[in-house]
Protein backbone atom coordinates (compact mmCIF):
# COMPACT_ATOMS: atom_id res chain seq x y z
CA UNK A 1 -24.89 6.79 3.20
CA UNK A 2 -21.70 5.52 4.82
CA UNK A 3 -19.63 3.23 2.60
CA UNK A 4 -17.77 1.17 5.19
CA UNK A 5 -15.93 -0.94 2.60
CA UNK A 6 -14.70 2.14 0.78
CA UNK A 7 -13.63 3.79 4.03
CA UNK A 8 -11.80 0.66 5.17
CA UNK A 9 -10.06 0.34 1.83
CA UNK A 10 -8.90 3.97 1.95
CA UNK A 11 -7.70 3.63 5.55
CA UNK A 12 -5.76 0.48 4.70
CA UNK A 13 -4.17 2.25 1.73
CA UNK A 14 -3.25 5.25 3.92
CA UNK A 15 -1.58 2.94 6.42
CA UNK A 16 0.21 0.95 3.73
CA UNK A 17 -1.57 -2.28 4.64
CA UNK A 18 -1.94 -4.57 1.65
CA UNK A 19 -4.91 -6.89 1.25
CA UNK A 20 -2.48 -9.81 1.41
CA UNK A 21 -1.19 -8.59 4.79
CA UNK A 22 -4.73 -8.17 6.03
CA UNK A 23 -5.57 -11.71 4.91
CA UNK A 24 -2.61 -13.08 6.89
CA UNK A 25 -3.55 -11.01 9.97
CA UNK A 26 -7.11 -12.35 9.86
CA UNK A 27 -6.19 -15.90 8.91
CA UNK A 28 -8.10 -15.71 5.64
CA UNK A 29 -7.32 -16.13 1.97
CA UNK A 30 -6.36 -13.24 -0.28
CA UNK A 31 -9.44 -14.08 -2.33
CA UNK A 32 -11.78 -13.66 0.65
CA UNK A 33 -10.43 -10.18 1.30
CA UNK A 34 -10.61 -9.34 -2.40
CA UNK A 35 -14.22 -10.52 -2.53
CA UNK A 36 -15.15 -8.16 0.32
CA UNK A 37 -13.60 -5.13 -1.27
CA UNK A 38 -14.82 -5.79 -4.81
CA UNK A 39 -18.36 -6.33 -3.53
CA UNK A 40 -18.91 -9.99 -4.41
CA UNK A 41 -19.33 -10.90 -0.72
CA UNK A 42 -20.67 -8.96 2.24
CA UNK A 43 -18.48 -8.28 5.25
CA UNK A 44 -20.02 -9.20 8.59
CA UNK A 45 -19.71 -6.80 11.54
CA UNK A 46 -17.41 -9.20 13.38
CA UNK A 47 -14.96 -9.18 10.48
CA UNK A 48 -15.19 -5.41 10.16
CA UNK A 49 -14.19 -5.04 13.80
CA UNK A 50 -11.30 -7.49 13.23
CA UNK A 51 -10.16 -5.44 10.23
CA UNK A 52 -10.34 -2.30 12.37
CA UNK A 53 -8.25 -3.96 15.04
CA UNK A 54 -5.69 -5.17 12.49
CA UNK A 55 -5.48 -1.67 11.00
CA UNK A 56 -5.28 -0.01 14.42
CA UNK A 57 -8.40 2.09 13.89
CA UNK A 58 -11.70 2.26 15.75
CA UNK A 59 -15.01 1.38 14.14
CA UNK A 60 -16.27 4.89 14.92
CA UNK A 61 -13.35 6.37 12.98
CA UNK A 62 -14.14 4.10 10.02
CA UNK A 63 -17.76 5.25 10.08
CA UNK A 64 -16.81 8.94 10.27
CA UNK A 65 -13.88 8.71 7.82
CA UNK A 66 -12.22 10.90 6.59
CA UNK A 67 -13.04 12.89 9.70
CA UNK A 68 -11.59 11.75 13.00
CA UNK A 69 -14.28 11.15 15.59
CA UNK A 70 -13.86 13.42 18.59
CA UNK A 71 -16.22 12.78 21.48
CA UNK A 72 -18.46 15.81 21.83
CA UNK A 73 -17.95 15.82 25.58
CA UNK A 74 -14.34 16.78 24.85
CA UNK A 75 -15.35 19.43 22.33
CA UNK A 76 -18.29 20.77 24.38
CA UNK A 77 -17.94 19.55 27.98
CA UNK A 78 -21.16 21.24 29.20
CA UNK A 79 -23.46 20.00 26.43
CA UNK A 80 -26.01 17.52 27.86
CA UNK A 81 -27.18 16.35 24.43
CA UNK A 82 -23.55 15.73 23.46
CA UNK A 83 -23.00 13.67 26.59
CA UNK A 84 -26.03 11.50 25.73
CA UNK A 85 -24.74 10.90 22.19
CA UNK A 86 -21.29 10.01 23.51
CA UNK A 87 -22.85 7.62 26.03
CA UNK A 88 -24.68 5.85 23.18
CA UNK A 89 -21.42 5.51 21.24
CA UNK A 90 -19.61 4.26 24.34
CA UNK A 91 -22.37 1.67 24.86
CA UNK A 92 -22.13 0.53 21.23
CA UNK A 93 -18.38 0.09 21.56
CA UNK A 94 -18.89 -1.93 24.74
CA UNK A 95 -21.51 -4.11 23.04
CA UNK A 96 -19.13 -4.79 20.14
CA UNK A 97 -16.40 -5.83 22.57
CA UNK A 98 -18.81 -8.12 24.42
CA UNK A 99 -20.02 -9.74 21.20
CA UNK A 100 -16.44 -10.32 20.08
CA UNK A 101 -15.48 -11.88 23.40
CA UNK A 102 -18.30 -14.45 23.08
CA UNK A 103 -16.79 -15.92 19.91
């Protein structure tokens, strides 16, 4: 199972982004960020995408961490199944952007 919180925490550490800096970037309290990462509160998808944006990383890369997501169409340009999977991922990214723009 993918542990998004753990992956985000590791990515933030790799990039030298402190929880306090993340709190400022998101306009939240240090305690709110701490509560997410220590598991006392759940993180909503909208906040996860904001954290990704603040950290300069895509949601797909967080989900596939520590591996870097590489679209299969780049790795295997003639693979029809790969193209379908990449299209699904592209559509999910578009949906996330649309949902964020409605806020």
